[in-house]
Protein backbone atom coordinates (compact mmCIF):
# COMPACT_ATOMS: atom_id res chain seq x y z
CA MET A 1 11.93 -87.29 -1.66
CA THR A 2 11.43 -90.85 -0.52
CA SER A 3 9.07 -93.08 -2.46
CA ALA A 4 6.92 -93.54 0.66
CA LYS A 5 6.51 -89.78 1.07
CA LYS A 6 5.78 -89.36 -2.64
CA LYS A 7 3.12 -92.09 -2.43
CA ARG A 8 1.48 -90.44 0.63
CA LEU A 9 1.36 -87.08 -1.15
CA GLU A 10 -0.08 -88.58 -4.33
CA GLU A 11 -2.73 -90.44 -2.29
CA ALA A 12 -3.65 -87.10 -0.72
CA GLY A 13 -4.19 -85.61 -4.18
CA TRP A 14 -0.85 -83.92 -4.71
CA VAL A 15 1.12 -84.25 -7.92
CA ALA A 16 4.82 -84.92 -7.50
CA GLY A 17 7.28 -83.84 -10.17
CA ASP A 18 10.36 -81.79 -10.81
CA ALA A 19 10.78 -78.11 -11.62
CA ALA A 20 10.88 -78.76 -15.37
CA GLN A 21 7.50 -80.50 -15.20
CA PHE A 22 6.03 -77.74 -13.04
CA LEU A 23 7.27 -75.05 -15.43
CA GLU A 24 6.25 -77.15 -18.44
CA LEU A 25 9.70 -76.86 -19.97
CA THR A 26 10.59 -78.71 -23.12
CA GLU A 27 13.48 -81.18 -22.90
CA GLU A 28 15.72 -78.64 -24.66
CA GLU A 29 14.73 -75.83 -22.28
CA ALA A 30 15.37 -78.04 -19.26
CA ARG A 31 18.79 -79.09 -20.58
CA PHE A 32 19.70 -75.45 -21.31
CA LEU A 33 18.68 -74.44 -17.78
CA ASP A 34 20.73 -77.29 -16.30
CA LEU A 35 23.73 -76.17 -18.36
CA LYS A 36 23.41 -72.57 -17.16
CA LEU A 37 23.10 -73.70 -13.57
CA ALA A 38 26.18 -75.92 -13.88
CA LEU A 39 28.27 -73.11 -15.39
CA ALA A 40 27.02 -70.64 -12.79
CA THR A 41 28.13 -73.06 -10.09
CA GLY A 42 31.49 -73.26 -11.83
CA VAL A 43 31.92 -69.49 -11.75
CA ARG A 44 31.17 -69.36 -8.03
CA GLU A 45 33.33 -72.38 -7.15
CA LEU A 46 36.33 -71.15 -9.14
CA ARG A 47 35.98 -67.56 -7.91
CA GLU A 48 35.94 -68.77 -4.31
CA ARG A 49 38.83 -71.18 -4.92
CA LYS A 50 40.88 -68.29 -6.33
CA GLY A 51 40.03 -66.18 -3.27
CA LEU A 52 38.21 -63.51 -5.26
CA MET A 53 35.27 -61.51 -3.99
CA GLN A 54 32.42 -60.82 -6.40
CA ALA A 55 33.52 -57.17 -6.63
CA ALA A 56 37.05 -58.19 -7.62
CA LEU A 57 35.75 -60.44 -10.39
CA ALA A 58 33.46 -57.63 -11.51
CA ASP A 59 36.46 -55.29 -11.82
CA ARG A 60 38.28 -57.88 -13.93
CA LEU A 61 35.23 -58.22 -16.19
CA GLY A 62 34.57 -54.47 -16.38
CA SER A 63 31.19 -55.10 -14.79
CA SER A 64 29.46 -54.70 -11.43
CA GLN A 65 29.27 -56.86 -8.32
CA SER A 66 25.52 -57.23 -8.81
CA ARG A 67 26.12 -58.55 -12.33
CA VAL A 68 28.53 -61.18 -10.96
CA ALA A 69 25.86 -62.15 -8.43
CA LYS A 70 23.45 -62.60 -11.33
CA ILE A 71 26.01 -64.72 -13.19
CA GLU A 72 26.38 -66.98 -10.15
CA ALA A 73 22.60 -67.23 -9.79
CA ALA A 74 22.20 -68.13 -13.49
CA ASP A 75 19.85 -65.20 -13.89
CA ARG A 76 17.90 -65.31 -17.13
CA SER A 77 19.47 -62.01 -18.23
CA VAL A 78 22.95 -63.58 -18.19
CA SER A 79 24.17 -65.11 -21.44
CA LEU A 80 26.24 -68.26 -21.77
CA ASP A 81 28.84 -66.04 -23.45
CA LEU A 82 29.21 -63.95 -20.28
CA MET A 83 29.43 -67.07 -18.13
CA MET A 84 32.13 -68.55 -20.34
CA ARG A 85 34.09 -65.26 -20.44
CA SER A 86 33.87 -65.12 -16.65
CA LEU A 87 35.17 -68.66 -16.29
CA LEU A 88 38.04 -68.05 -18.70
CA ASN A 89 38.89 -64.73 -17.03
CA ILE A 90 39.43 -66.41 -13.68
CA GLY A 91 41.51 -69.18 -15.18
CA ALA A 92 39.15 -72.07 -15.86
CA THR A 93 40.64 -74.79 -18.03
CA ALA A 94 38.74 -76.61 -20.75
CA THR A 95 38.84 -79.70 -18.54
CA GLU A 96 37.20 -77.84 -15.63
CA ILE A 97 34.53 -76.36 -17.90
CA ALA A 98 33.82 -79.82 -19.33
CA LYS A 99 33.50 -81.19 -15.78
CA TRP A 100 30.82 -78.62 -14.92
CA ILE A 101 29.00 -79.31 -18.17
CA ARG A 102 29.06 -83.07 -17.49
CA ARG A 103 27.53 -82.41 -14.07
CA ALA A 104 24.43 -81.07 -15.80
CA GLU A 105 23.83 -84.25 -17.82
CA PRO A 106 22.98 -86.90 -15.18
CA ASP A 107 20.15 -84.74 -13.80
CA ARG A 108 18.23 -85.04 -17.07
CA ALA A 109 18.68 -88.80 -17.25
CA ALA A 110 17.13 -89.35 -13.82
């Protein structure tokens, strides 16, 4: 959002903020959410790069296509353990995983 638009909204009585402020998340909760979102993006990106459909990844994980969809959406029912196992199962390297984790950090500094 541009600063001019933000100013107009605030002058009209609106409060501008981010999702973490709206949800009243602690700094730790916001960082955890950013981490889950970054890893979920990694699962989707790597799955697509490897040419796998969600159902094929589900078969490899012994799970269901809907569960893979939840992994990629960073659903609250999905653990970091399952995300990491999914990444490793489709061949993610430690360097790639670190890259996705680093992507989550700048968002909190802004």
